C-alpha atoms as a PDB file:
ATOM      1  CA  MET A   1     -97.613 -34.717   6.997  1.00  0.00           C
ATOM      2  CA  THR A   2     -94.723 -34.365   5.453  1.00  0.00           C
ATOM      3  CA  ALA A   3     -91.002 -34.826   7.233  1.00  0.00           C
ATOM      4  CA  THR A   4     -88.674 -31.765   6.390  1.00  0.00           C
ATOM      5  CA  VAL A   5     -85.161 -33.069   5.501  1.00  0.00           C
ATOM      6  CA  GLY A   6     -82.335 -30.816   5.846  1.00  0.00           C
ATOM      7  CA  PRO A   7     -78.918 -30.430   4.257  1.00  0.00           C
ATOM      8  CA  LEU A   8     -77.069 -33.728   4.523  1.00  0.00           C
ATOM      9  CA  PRO A   9     -73.727 -32.894   6.747  1.00  0.00           C
ATOM     10  CA  ASP A  10     -70.460 -32.594   4.835  1.00  0.00           C
ATOM     11  CA  PRO A  11     -68.680 -36.062   5.183  1.00  0.00           C
ATOM     12  CA  ASP A  12     -65.227 -34.252   5.009  1.00  0.00           C
ATOM     13  CA  HIS A  13     -66.857 -32.650   8.271  1.00  0.00           C
ATOM     14  CA  PHE A  14     -66.647 -35.728   9.884  1.00  0.00           C
ATOM     15  CA  SER A  15     -63.880 -37.015   8.568  1.00  0.00           C
ATOM     16  CA  THR A  16     -61.709 -33.982   9.931  1.00  0.00           C
ATOM     17  CA  ILE A  17     -63.470 -34.170  13.177  1.00  0.00           C
ATOM     18  CA  THR A  18     -62.194 -38.185  13.039  1.00  0.00           C
ATOM     19  CA  GLY A  19     -58.793 -36.332  12.250  1.00  0.00           C
ATOM     20  CA  LEU A  20     -58.579 -34.082  14.419  1.00  0.00           C
ATOM     21  CA  VAL A  21     -59.800 -36.287  17.603  1.00  0.00           C
ATOM     22  CA  ALA A  22     -56.805 -39.204  15.787  1.00  0.00           C
ATOM     23  CA  GLN A  23     -54.225 -36.352  16.683  1.00  0.00           C
ATOM     24  CA  ALA A  24     -55.551 -35.608  20.226  1.00  0.00           C
ATOM     25  CA  ALA A  25     -55.575 -39.121  21.274  1.00  0.00           C
ATOM     26  CA  THR A  26     -52.057 -39.798  19.729  1.00  0.00           C
ATOM     27  CA  ARG A  27     -50.721 -36.976  21.852  1.00  0.00           C
ATOM     28  CA  LEU A  28     -52.246 -38.258  24.670  1.00  0.00           C
ATOM     29  CA  ARG A  29     -50.854 -41.323  24.314  1.00  0.00           C
ATOM     30  CA  ILE A  30     -47.322 -40.117  23.931  1.00  0.00           C
ATOM     31  CA  ASP A  31     -47.695 -37.825  26.697  1.00  0.00           C
ATOM     32  CA  ALA A  32     -48.752 -40.385  28.993  1.00  0.00           C
ATOM     33  CA  ALA A  33     -45.882 -42.459  28.421  1.00  0.00           C
ATOM     34  CA  THR A  34     -43.630 -39.313  28.245  1.00  0.00           C
ATOM     35  CA  SER A  35     -44.542 -38.452  32.083  1.00  0.00           C
ATOM     36  CA  GLU A  36     -43.774 -42.260  33.150  1.00  0.00           C
ATOM     37  CA  VAL A  37     -40.664 -42.057  31.714  1.00  0.00           C
ATOM     38  CA  LEU A  38     -39.564 -38.977  33.012  1.00  0.00           C
ATOM     39  CA  GLN A  39     -40.897 -39.840  36.075  1.00  0.00           C
ATOM     40  CA  ALA A  40     -39.060 -43.047  35.987  1.00  0.00           C
ATOM     41  CA  PHE A  41     -35.597 -40.957  35.322  1.00  0.00           C
ATOM     42  CA  THR A  42     -36.254 -38.656  38.217  1.00  0.00           C
ATOM     43  CA  SER A  43     -36.096 -41.622  40.341  1.00  0.00           C
ATOM     44  CA  ALA A  44     -33.399 -43.318  38.816  1.00  0.00           C
ATOM     45  CA  GLY A  45     -31.640 -39.712  39.307  1.00  0.00           C
ATOM     46  CA  VAL A  46     -31.146 -39.819  35.388  1.00  0.00           C
ATOM     47  CA  ALA A  47     -31.275 -35.730  34.307  1.00  0.00           C
ATOM     48  CA  CYS A  48     -33.352 -35.122  30.954  1.00  0.00           C
ATOM     49  CA  CYS A  49     -34.345 -32.052  28.529  1.00  0.00           C
ATOM     50  CA  VAL A  50     -37.337 -32.406  26.975  1.00  0.00           C
ATOM     51  CA  LEU A  51     -36.765 -31.672  22.670  1.00  0.00           C
ATOM     52  CA  LYS A  52     -38.839 -31.023  20.085  1.00  0.00           C
ATOM     53  CA  GLY A  53     -42.730 -33.052  20.447  1.00  0.00           C
ATOM     54  CA  PRO A  54     -44.851 -31.105  23.443  1.00  0.00           C
ATOM     55  CA  SER A  55     -42.119 -28.633  23.600  1.00  0.00           C
ATOM     56  CA  LEU A  56     -42.070 -27.119  20.365  1.00  0.00           C
ATOM     57  CA  ALA A  57     -46.019 -27.945  20.272  1.00  0.00           C
ATOM     58  CA  GLN A  58     -46.769 -25.451  23.283  1.00  0.00           C
ATOM     59  CA  TRP A  59     -44.254 -22.918  22.111  1.00  0.00           C
ATOM     60  CA  LEU A  60     -45.261 -23.178  18.397  1.00  0.00           C
ATOM     61  CA  ASP A  61     -49.054 -23.508  18.096  1.00  0.00           C
ATOM     62  CA  THR A  62     -52.157 -22.408  19.324  1.00  0.00           C
ATOM     63  CA  ASP A  63     -54.830 -24.314  20.975  1.00  0.00           C
ATOM     64  CA  GLU A  64     -56.739 -24.826  18.119  1.00  0.00           C
ATOM     65  CA  ASP A  65     -54.186 -25.370  15.794  1.00  0.00           C
ATOM     66  CA  ARG A  66     -52.001 -27.911  17.761  1.00  0.00           C
ATOM     67  CA  ARG A  67     -49.579 -29.991  15.437  1.00  0.00           C
ATOM     68  CA  PRO A  68     -49.422 -33.855  16.037  1.00  0.00           C
ATOM     69  CA  TYR A  69     -46.204 -35.754  16.766  1.00  0.00           C
ATOM     70  CA  LEU A  70     -45.743 -39.243  16.998  1.00  0.00           C
ATOM     71  CA  ASP A  71     -42.413 -39.523  19.601  1.00  0.00           C
ATOM     72  CA  THR A  72     -40.846 -37.983  21.852  1.00  0.00           C
ATOM     73  CA  ASP A  73     -37.530 -36.639  21.967  1.00  0.00           C
ATOM     74  CA  LEU A  74     -35.457 -36.714  25.349  1.00  0.00           C
ATOM     75  CA  TRP A  75     -31.728 -35.752  25.921  1.00  0.00           C
ATOM     76  CA  VAL A  76     -30.124 -36.939  28.795  1.00  0.00           C
ATOM     77  CA  ARG A  77     -27.505 -35.670  30.664  1.00  0.00           C
ATOM     78  CA  PRO A  78     -23.865 -36.978  29.759  1.00  0.00           C
ATOM     79  CA  GLY A  79     -23.094 -39.956  32.147  1.00  0.00           C
ATOM     80  CA  ASP A  80     -26.654 -40.569  32.914  1.00  0.00           C
ATOM     81  CA  GLU A  81     -26.986 -42.608  29.335  1.00  0.00           C
ATOM     82  CA  THR A  82     -26.788 -46.385  30.660  1.00  0.00           C
ATOM     83  CA  VAL A  83     -29.084 -45.514  33.829  1.00  0.00           C
ATOM     84  CA  ALA A  84     -31.611 -44.198  31.206  1.00  0.00           C
ATOM     85  CA  GLU A  85     -31.390 -47.359  29.166  1.00  0.00           C
ATOM     86  CA  ALA A  86     -31.495 -49.858  31.848  1.00  0.00           C
ATOM     87  CA  THR A  87     -34.664 -47.911  33.125  1.00  0.00           C
ATOM     88  CA  LEU A  88     -36.329 -47.606  29.309  1.00  0.00           C
ATOM     89  CA  GLU A  89     -35.954 -51.655  29.726  1.00  0.00           C
ATOM     90  CA  GLN A  90     -37.774 -51.687  32.700  1.00  0.00           C
ATOM     91  CA  LEU A  91     -40.615 -49.949  31.487  1.00  0.00           C
ATOM     92  CA  GLY A  92     -40.912 -52.457  28.303  1.00  0.00           C
ATOM     93  CA  PHE A  93     -39.117 -50.267  25.665  1.00  0.00           C
ATOM     94  CA  ALA A  94     -36.220 -52.066  23.190  1.00  0.00           C
ATOM     95  CA  ARG A  95     -33.832 -50.210  20.816  1.00  0.00           C
ATOM     96  CA  ARG A  96     -35.019 -50.585  17.296  1.00  0.00           C
ATOM     97  CA  TRP A  97     -31.480 -51.487  16.269  1.00  0.00           C
ATOM     98  CA  ASP A  98     -28.145 -51.740  18.416  1.00  0.00           C
ATOM     99  CA  GLN A  99     -25.620 -49.103  17.061  1.00  0.00           C
ATOM    100  CA  SER A 100     -22.737 -50.291  19.517  1.00  0.00           C
ATOM    101  CA  THR A 101     -21.346 -52.272  16.705  1.00  0.00           C
ATOM    102  CA  LEU A 102     -20.884 -49.557  14.654  1.00  0.00           C
ATOM    103  CA  PRO A 103     -17.573 -47.280  14.349  1.00  0.00           C
ATOM    104  CA  ASP A 104     -18.193 -43.339  16.516  1.00  0.00           C
ATOM    105  CA  TRP A 105     -18.281 -41.858  13.229  1.00  0.00           C
ATOM    106  CA  TRP A 106     -20.904 -44.047  11.914  1.00  0.00           C
ATOM    107  CA  ARG A 107     -23.156 -43.555  14.877  1.00  0.00           C
ATOM    108  CA  GLU A 108     -26.316 -40.727  15.170  1.00  0.00           C
ATOM    109  CA  HIS A 109     -26.584 -38.145  17.500  1.00  0.00           C
ATOM    110  CA  GLY A 110     -29.483 -40.648  19.146  1.00  0.00           C
ATOM    111  CA  THR A 111     -30.728 -44.419  19.767  1.00  0.00           C
ATOM    112  CA  GLU A 112     -34.568 -45.013  19.614  1.00  0.00           C
ATOM    113  CA  TRP A 113     -36.068 -46.970  21.335  1.00  0.00           C
ATOM    114  CA  THR A 114     -39.726 -48.638  20.852  1.00  0.00           C
ATOM    115  CA  ARG A 115     -42.367 -49.968  23.273  1.00  0.00           C
ATOM    116  CA  ASP A 116     -45.012 -52.913  22.093  1.00  0.00           C
ATOM    117  CA  ARG A 117     -47.770 -52.004  24.303  1.00  0.00           C
ATOM    118  CA  ASP A 118     -48.519 -49.074  23.166  1.00  0.00           C
ATOM    119  CA  GLY A 119     -46.263 -48.522  20.056  1.00  0.00           C
ATOM    120  CA  VAL A 120     -44.620 -45.671  21.477  1.00  0.00           C
ATOM    121  CA  LEU A 121     -41.419 -44.635  20.262  1.00  0.00           C
ATOM    122  CA  VAL A 122     -38.639 -42.489  22.373  1.00  0.00           C
ATOM    123  CA  ASP A 123     -35.634 -41.324  20.646  1.00  0.00           C
ATOM    124  CA  LEU A 124     -32.527 -40.726  23.052  1.00  0.00           C
ATOM    125  CA  HIS A 125     -30.272 -37.913  22.476  1.00  0.00           C
ATOM    126  CA  ARG A 126     -26.698 -38.017  23.272  1.00  0.00           C
ATOM    127  CA  ASN A 127     -25.960 -34.247  22.069  1.00  0.00           C
ATOM    128  CA  LEU A 128     -28.164 -32.400  19.492  1.00  0.00           C
ATOM    129  CA  PRO A 129     -27.343 -32.507  15.792  1.00  0.00           C
ATOM    130  CA  GLY A 130     -24.978 -30.275  14.491  1.00  0.00           C
ATOM    131  CA  VAL A 131     -23.373 -29.130  17.787  1.00  0.00           C
ATOM    132  CA  SER A 132     -19.340 -29.723  17.599  1.00  0.00           C
ATOM    133  CA  ALA A 133     -18.870 -28.674  21.596  1.00  0.00           C
ATOM    134  CA  ASP A 134     -18.431 -31.447  24.206  1.00  0.00           C
ATOM    135  CA  ALA A 135     -21.521 -33.221  24.741  1.00  0.00           C
ATOM    136  CA  ARG A 136     -21.202 -32.292  28.617  1.00  0.00           C
ATOM    137  CA  ALA A 137     -20.706 -28.511  27.304  1.00  0.00           C
ATOM    138  CA  ALA A 138     -23.727 -28.351  25.122  1.00  0.00           C
ATOM    139  CA  TRP A 139     -25.731 -29.892  28.099  1.00  0.00           C
ATOM    140  CA  ASP A 140     -24.617 -26.817  30.544  1.00  0.00           C
ATOM    141  CA  THR A 141     -25.090 -24.346  28.136  1.00  0.00           C
ATOM    142  CA  LEU A 142     -28.441 -25.308  26.375  1.00  0.00           C
ATOM    143  CA  ALA A 143     -30.081 -27.768  29.258  1.00  0.00           C
ATOM    144  CA  GLU A 144     -29.150 -26.249  32.643  1.00  0.00           C
ATOM    145  CA  PRO A 145     -30.734 -23.137  32.028  1.00  0.00           C
ATOM    146  CA  GLY A 146     -33.325 -23.967  29.888  1.00  0.00           C
ATOM    147  CA  GLY A 147     -37.117 -23.504  30.675  1.00  0.00           C
ATOM    148  CA  THR A 148     -40.099 -26.041  31.355  1.00  0.00           C
ATOM    149  CA  VAL A 149     -43.009 -27.374  29.102  1.00  0.00           C
ATOM    150  CA  VAL A 150     -46.093 -28.926  31.146  1.00  0.00           C
ATOM    151  CA  ILE A 151     -46.559 -32.856  30.048  1.00  0.00           C
ATOM    152  CA  ALA A 152     -49.245 -34.328  31.864  1.00  0.00           C
ATOM    153  CA  GLY A 153     -50.003 -31.845  34.028  1.00  0.00           C
ATOM    154  CA  ARG A 154     -46.358 -31.744  35.612  1.00  0.00           C
ATOM    155  CA  GLU A 155     -43.562 -29.489  34.410  1.00  0.00           C
ATOM    156  CA  GLU A 156     -40.349 -30.897  32.845  1.00  0.00           C
ATOM    157  CA  ARG A 157     -37.098 -29.744  31.966  1.00  0.00           C
ATOM    158  CA  ALA A 158     -37.204 -28.040  27.906  1.00  0.00           C
ATOM    159  CA  LEU A 159     -35.009 -26.107  26.443  1.00  0.00           C
ATOM    160  CA  SER A 160     -35.452 -22.261  26.589  1.00  0.00           C
ATOM    161  CA  ILE A 161     -37.085 -20.278  23.946  1.00  0.00           C
ATOM    162  CA  PRO A 162     -33.604 -19.727  22.462  1.00  0.00           C
ATOM    163  CA  GLY A 163     -32.452 -22.828  22.973  1.00  0.00           C
ATOM    164  CA  ARG A 164     -35.898 -24.192  21.004  1.00  0.00           C
ATOM    165  CA  ALA A 165     -34.963 -21.735  18.287  1.00  0.00           C
ATOM    166  CA  LEU A 166     -31.544 -23.093  18.102  1.00  0.00           C
ATOM    167  CA  HIS A 167     -32.673 -26.542  17.781  1.00  0.00           C
ATOM    168  CA  VAL A 168     -35.339 -26.061  15.200  1.00  0.00           C
ATOM    169  CA  ALA A 169     -33.040 -24.340  12.724  1.00  0.00           C
ATOM    170  CA  LEU A 170     -30.380 -27.257  13.952  1.00  0.00           C
ATOM    171  CA  HIS A 171     -32.817 -29.843  12.980  1.00  0.00           C
ATOM    172  CA  CYS A 172     -33.411 -27.930   9.623  1.00  0.00           C
ATOM    173  CA  ALA A 173     -29.972 -28.315   8.778  1.00  0.00           C
ATOM    174  CA  HIS A 174     -29.441 -31.800   9.720  1.00  0.00           C
ATOM    175  CA  HIS A 175     -32.635 -33.369   7.679  1.00  0.00           C
ATOM    176  CA  GLY A 176     -32.386 -30.493   4.746  1.00  0.00           C
ATOM    177  CA  SER A 177     -34.586 -28.113   3.106  1.00  0.00           C
ATOM    178  CA  GLU A 178     -36.015 -31.178   1.463  1.00  0.00           C
ATOM    179  CA  TRP A 179     -38.103 -32.066   4.667  1.00  0.00           C
ATOM    180  CA  SER A 180     -40.936 -30.151   4.742  1.00  0.00           C
ATOM    181  CA  LYS A 181     -41.908 -30.532   8.382  1.00  0.00           C
ATOM    182  CA  VAL A 182     -38.657 -29.293   9.545  1.00  0.00           C
ATOM    183  CA  ALA A 183     -39.142 -26.694   7.192  1.00  0.00           C
ATOM    184  CA  ARG A 184     -42.631 -25.506   8.266  1.00  0.00           C
ATOM    185  CA  ASP A 185     -41.495 -25.848  11.768  1.00  0.00           C
ATOM    186  CA  LEU A 186     -38.603 -23.333  11.290  1.00  0.00           C
ATOM    187  CA  ASP A 187     -41.116 -21.056   9.131  1.00  0.00           C
ATOM    188  CA  ARG A 188     -43.402 -20.998  12.484  1.00  0.00           C
ATOM    189  CA  ALA A 189     -40.475 -20.483  14.704  1.00  0.00           C
ATOM    190  CA  LEU A 190     -39.513 -17.445  12.672  1.00  0.00           C
ATOM    191  CA  THR A 191     -42.926 -15.680  13.000  1.00  0.00           C
ATOM    192  CA  VAL A 192     -43.205 -16.470  16.460  1.00  0.00           C
ATOM    193  CA  ALA A 193     -39.583 -15.600  17.805  1.00  0.00           C
ATOM    194  CA  ASP A 194     -38.698 -12.147  17.956  1.00  0.00           C
ATOM    195  CA  GLU A 195     -35.347 -10.926  16.465  1.00  0.00           C
ATOM    196  CA  ALA A 196     -33.711 -10.646  19.835  1.00  0.00           C
ATOM    197  CA  THR A 197     -34.910 -14.150  20.572  1.00  0.00           C
ATOM    198  CA  CYS A 198     -32.871 -15.382  17.521  1.00  0.00           C
ATOM    199  CA  ARG A 199     -29.691 -13.406  18.542  1.00  0.00           C
ATOM    200  CA  GLN A 200     -30.065 -15.033  21.664  1.00  0.00           C
ATOM    201  CA  ALA A 201     -30.268 -18.452  19.654  1.00  0.00           C
ATOM    202  CA  ALA A 202     -27.168 -17.394  17.516  1.00  0.00           C
ATOM    203  CA  GLU A 203     -24.862 -16.457  20.474  1.00  0.00           C
ATOM    204  CA  LEU A 204     -26.087 -19.793  22.024  1.00  0.00           C
ATOM    205  CA  ALA A 205     -24.914 -21.817  18.810  1.00  0.00           C
ATOM    206  CA  ARG A 206     -21.286 -19.785  19.057  1.00  0.00           C
ATOM    207  CA  ARG A 207     -21.270 -20.919  22.525  1.00  0.00           C
ATOM    208  CA  VAL A 208     -21.838 -24.490  21.780  1.00  0.00           C
ATOM    209  CA  ASP A 209     -19.718 -24.650  18.135  1.00  0.00           C
ATOM    210  CA  ALA A 210     -22.670 -25.231  16.084  1.00  0.00           C
ATOM    211  CA  LEU A 211     -22.960 -21.467  13.983  1.00  0.00           C
ATOM    212  CA  ASP A 212     -22.150 -23.598  11.321  1.00  0.00           C
ATOM    213  CA  ALA A 213     -24.852 -25.746  11.196  1.00  0.00           C
ATOM    214  CA  PHE A 214     -27.271 -22.589  12.625  1.00  0.00           C
ATOM    215  CA  ALA A 215     -26.896 -20.244  10.256  1.00  0.00           C
ATOM    216  CA  ALA A 216     -26.955 -23.746   7.089  1.00  0.00           C
ATOM    217  CA  GLY A 217     -30.399 -24.406   9.149  1.00  0.00           C
ATOM    218  CA  LEU A 218     -31.733 -20.767   9.073  1.00  0.00           C
ATOM    219  CA  ARG A 219     -30.894 -20.371   5.102  1.00  0.00           C
ATOM    220  CA  THR A 220     -32.938 -23.627   3.865  1.00  0.00           C
ATOM    221  CA  VAL A 221     -36.221 -21.383   4.238  1.00  0.00           C
ATOM    222  CA  PRO A 222     -37.035 -17.586   2.868  1.00  0.00           C
ATOM    223  CA  ALA A 223     -37.471 -16.186   5.789  1.00  0.00           C
ATOM    224  CA  GLY A 224     -34.558 -17.181   7.549  1.00  0.00           C
ATOM    225  CA  ASP A 225     -31.955 -16.684   5.024  1.00  0.00           C
ATOM    226  CA  GLN A 226     -33.038 -12.962   5.186  1.00  0.00           C
ATOM    227  CA  LEU A 227     -32.718 -13.177   9.305  1.00  0.00           C
ATOM    228  CA  ALA A 228     -29.200 -14.831   8.762  1.00  0.00           C
ATOM    229  CA  GLN A 229     -28.528 -11.796   6.394  1.00  0.00           C
ATOM    230  CA  ARG A 230     -29.460  -9.277   8.950  1.00  0.00           C
ATOM    231  CA  LEU A 231     -27.443 -11.383  11.731  1.00  0.00           C
ATOM    232  CA  ALA A 232     -24.586 -11.418   9.906  1.00  0.00           C
ATOM    233  CA  LEU A 233     -23.955 -14.861  10.368  1.00  0.00           C
ATOM    234  CA  PRO A 234     -20.870 -16.578   8.085  1.00  0.00           C
ATOM    235  CA  GLU A 235     -21.589 -18.905   5.242  1.00  0.00           C
ATOM    236  CA  PRO A 236     -21.019 -22.641   6.019  1.00  0.00           C
ATOM    237  CA  SER A 237     -17.467 -23.556   6.014  1.00  0.00           C
ATOM    238  CA  SER A 238     -18.073 -27.474   6.275  1.00  0.00           C
ATOM    239  CA  VAL A 239     -18.664 -29.717   3.693  1.00  0.00           C
ATOM    240  CA  GLN A 240     -21.183 -31.904   5.786  1.00  0.00           C
ATOM    241  CA  VAL A 241     -23.279 -28.980   6.732  1.00  0.00           C
ATOM    242  CA  THR A 242     -23.395 -27.681   3.343  1.00  0.00           C
ATOM    243  CA  LEU A 243     -24.736 -31.040   2.403  1.00  0.00           C
ATOM    244  CA  ARG A 244     -26.427 -31.934   5.160  1.00  0.00           C
ATOM    245  CA  ALA A 245     -28.397 -28.510   4.485  1.00  0.00           C
ATOM    246  CA  THR A 246     -29.464 -29.625   0.880  1.00  0.00           C
ATOM    247  CA  THR A 247     -30.551 -33.327   2.180  1.00  0.00           C
ATOM    248  CA  PRO A 248     -28.254 -34.735   0.373  1.00  0.00           C
ATOM    249  CA  PRO A 249     -28.667 -38.258  -1.792  1.00  0.00           C
ATOM    250  CA  PRO A 250     -27.172 -41.409  -0.413  1.00  0.00           C
ATOM    251  CA  VAL A 251     -23.732 -42.318  -0.313  1.00  0.00           C
ATOM    252  CA  ALA A 252     -22.565 -37.903  -0.670  1.00  0.00           C
ATOM    253  CA  LEU A 253     -22.081 -37.803   3.047  1.00  0.00           C
ATOM    254  CA  GLY A 254     -20.210 -40.795   2.902  1.00  0.00           C
ATOM    255  CA  VAL A 255     -18.143 -39.538   0.405  1.00  0.00           C
ATOM    256  CA  GLU A 256     -16.835 -36.254   2.640  1.00  0.00           C
ATOM    257  CA  GLN A 257     -16.053 -38.683   5.221  1.00  0.00           C
ATOM    258  CA  LEU A 258     -13.618 -40.894   2.995  1.00  0.00           C
ATOM    259  CA  MET A 259     -12.019 -37.687   1.388  1.00  0.00           C
ATOM    260  CA  GLY A 260     -11.602 -35.999   4.875  1.00  0.00           C
ATOM    261  CA  ALA A 261      -9.655 -39.197   6.377  1.00  0.00           C
ATOM    262  CA  ALA A 262      -6.167 -38.763   7.519  1.00  0.00           C
ATOM    263  CA  SER A 263      -4.779 -41.511   5.714  1.00  0.00           C
ATOM    264  CA  TRP A 264      -5.346 -44.106   2.791  1.00  0.00           C
ATOM    265  CA  ARG A 265      -5.314 -47.048   5.020  1.00  0.00           C
ATOM    266  CA  THR A 266      -7.893 -45.348   7.097  1.00  0.00           C
ATOM    267  CA  ARG A 267     -10.405 -44.831   3.897  1.00  0.00           C
ATOM    268  CA  ALA A 268      -9.538 -48.211   2.915  1.00  0.00           C
ATOM    269  CA  TRP A 269     -11.262 -49.681   6.566  1.00  0.00           C
ATOM    270  CA  ILE A 270     -14.137 -47.209   6.387  1.00  0.00           C
ATOM    271  CA  ILE A 271     -14.601 -48.520   2.457  1.00  0.00           C
ATOM    272  CA  GLY A 272     -14.736 -51.799   3.914  1.00  0.00           C
ATOM    273  CA  ARG A 273     -17.326 -51.281   6.830  1.00  0.00           C
ATOM    274  CA  LYS A 274     -19.426 -49.651   3.944  1.00  0.00           C
ATOM    275  CA  VAL A 275     -19.423 -52.434   2.048  1.00  0.00           C
ATOM    276  CA  VAL A 276     -19.491 -54.746   4.711  1.00  0.00           C
ATOM    277  CA  PRO A 277     -21.208 -53.285   7.375  1.00  0.00           C
ATOM    278  CA  PRO A 278     -22.520 -55.147  11.092  1.00  0.00           C
ATOM    279  CA  ARG A 279     -25.041 -56.912  10.919  1.00  0.00           C
ATOM    280  CA  GLU A 280     -27.361 -54.566  12.879  1.00  0.00           C
ATOM    281  CA  PHE A 281     -26.840 -51.816  10.610  1.00  0.00           C
ATOM    282  CA  ILE A 282     -27.551 -54.179   7.679  1.00  0.00           C
ATOM    283  CA  ARG A 283     -30.885 -55.652   9.469  1.00  0.00           C
ATOM    284  CA  HIS A 284     -31.789 -51.773   9.696  1.00  0.00           C
ATOM    285  CA  TRP A 285     -30.746 -50.835   6.614  1.00  0.00           C
ATOM    286  CA  ASP A 286     -32.515 -53.572   4.837  1.00  0.00           C
ATOM    287  CA  ASP A 287     -35.993 -54.297   7.091  1.00  0.00           C
ATOM    288  CA  ARG A 288     -35.933 -57.832   5.414  1.00  0.00           C
ATOM    289  CA  ALA A 289     -32.703 -58.957   6.203  1.00  0.00           C
ATOM    290  CA  SER A 290     -33.991 -59.150  10.326  1.00  0.00           C
ATOM    291  CA  GLU A 291     -36.408 -62.278   8.837  1.00  0.00           C
ATOM    292  CA  ASN A 292     -33.981 -64.640   8.644  1.00  0.00           C
ATOM    293  CA  GLY A 293     -30.250 -65.890   7.504  1.00  0.00           C
ATOM    294  CA  TRP A 294     -30.916 -65.803   3.845  1.00  0.00           C
ATOM    295  CA  ARG A 295     -32.308 -62.767   4.134  1.00  0.00           C
ATOM    296  CA  LEU A 296     -29.871 -61.409   5.694  1.00  0.00           C
ATOM    297  CA  ALA A 297     -27.238 -62.893   3.379  1.00  0.00           C
ATOM    298  CA  LEU A 298     -28.943 -61.418   0.461  1.00  0.00           C
ATOM    299  CA  ALA A 299     -28.651 -58.195   1.572  1.00  0.00           C
ATOM    300  CA  TYR A 300     -25.266 -58.293   2.157  1.00  0.00           C
ATOM    301  CA  LEU A 301     -25.254 -59.275  -1.557  1.00  0.00           C
ATOM    302  CA  ARG A 302     -27.202 -56.433  -2.609  1.00  0.00           C
ATOM    303  CA  ARG A 303     -24.882 -53.610  -0.603  1.00  0.00           C
ATOM    304  CA  PRO A 304     -22.106 -53.725  -3.218  1.00  0.00           C
ATOM    305  CA  PHE A 305     -24.420 -52.910  -5.858  1.00  0.00           C
ATOM    306  CA  TRP A 306     -26.654 -49.966  -3.888  1.00  0.00           C
ATOM    307  CA  LEU A 307     -23.544 -48.587  -3.272  1.00  0.00           C
ATOM    308  CA  LEU A 308     -22.324 -48.393  -7.142  1.00  0.00           C
ATOM    309  CA  ARG A 309     -25.450 -47.574  -7.954  1.00  0.00           C
ATOM    310  CA  HIS A 310     -26.124 -44.610  -6.071  1.00  0.00           C
ATOM    311  CA  THR A 311     -22.193 -43.409  -5.833  1.00  0.00           C
ATOM    312  CA  PRO A 312     -21.983 -40.820  -8.876  1.00  0.00           C
ATOM    313  CA  ALA A 313     -24.776 -39.155  -7.526  1.00  0.00           C
ATOM    314  CA  GLY A 314     -23.109 -38.905  -4.047  1.00  0.00           C
ATOM    315  CA  VAL A 315     -19.963 -38.169  -5.936  1.00  0.00           C
ATOM    316  CA  ARG A 316     -21.655 -34.940  -7.732  1.00  0.00           C
ATOM    317  CA  ALA A 317     -23.727 -33.801  -4.863  1.00  0.00           C
ATOM    318  CA  TRP A 318     -20.895 -33.787  -2.576  1.00  0.00           C
ATOM    319  CA  TRP A 319     -18.260 -32.276  -5.501  1.00  0.00           C
ATOM    320  CA  ARG A 320     -21.074 -29.305  -5.428  1.00  0.00           C
ATOM    321  CA  ALA A 321     -20.922 -28.643  -2.047  1.00  0.00           C
ATOM    322  CA  ARG A 322     -17.036 -28.730  -2.045  1.00  0.00           C
ATOM    323  CA  ARG A 323     -16.844 -26.154  -4.454  1.00  0.00           C
ATOM    324  CA  ARG A 324     -19.697 -24.006  -2.960  1.00  0.00           C
ATOM    325  CA  VAL A 325     -17.704 -24.107   0.589  1.00  0.00           C
ATOM    326  CA  GLN A 326     -14.287 -23.050  -1.531  1.00  0.00           C
ATOM    327  CA  ALA A 327     -15.660 -20.081  -3.325  1.00  0.00           C
ATOM    328  CA  ARG A 328     -16.731 -18.899   0.417  1.00  0.00           C
ATOM    329  CA  HIS A 329     -12.709 -18.803   1.056  1.00  0.00           C
END
């Protein structure tokens, strides 16, 4: 009797299944940690709004095409930051790097926190990128009347759908057209959201003084450019916003910061801080600088040469952005 051997299974089939299982496991791990953090925040009296991650996944994706996400982004109500940070520490999280020693003009819109036991990363936001309004005014406009998202079986505060559309465009403006993931998110949002939603997003952008960044973010993809024209959105009037939307080379944003300084004394101070920044920044800028004192000293020695090498491309990118903004006026 001869055994009949069927066709061998496609190895790619198994790799696809393995990848999907790994993505699902990552989502569950992050959702569980996010729910843990949010419950602890509630107990501590911290108001919080979920950004991106599950919030975008549940809005933009189908059950069959659920995106992976690698961290959780949480926007904390202004005034609750200190309690939120203490709560994260109690849960075993630690800052990836301390920005408290940096000047205000150098700080990001959020801080990153990690936990060794499960590898979860929490990005704690003080405001949204591209928003020029006061953080409290932005919170009252975008987070207080927001929507909800289900995480680990619990309903949590999230941005409204127009708020999410605004945030996707602002995220694209912040990172620029070269970041393919944020561009894909924006393309998908423009497919899912109707024009009425986009008009509401534009109105929210106007109310939180983010119209420049919203318009620049939309224009990073063809469908968004067409929408910006239909909505009669203005071309960005800010060199910084124009630069960010093009994913500028290193130093370009620093050049704009330098040229916008009010005096030569301030410019000299900025240059000095760029050449010799605080230790925490150097350790973040060069991972090896955290190993020991010699590595830290070498990073400080390398810093001026790195700046010199990248300055020509940064100046050219800044000049092109400046010319574009001037041409619009």
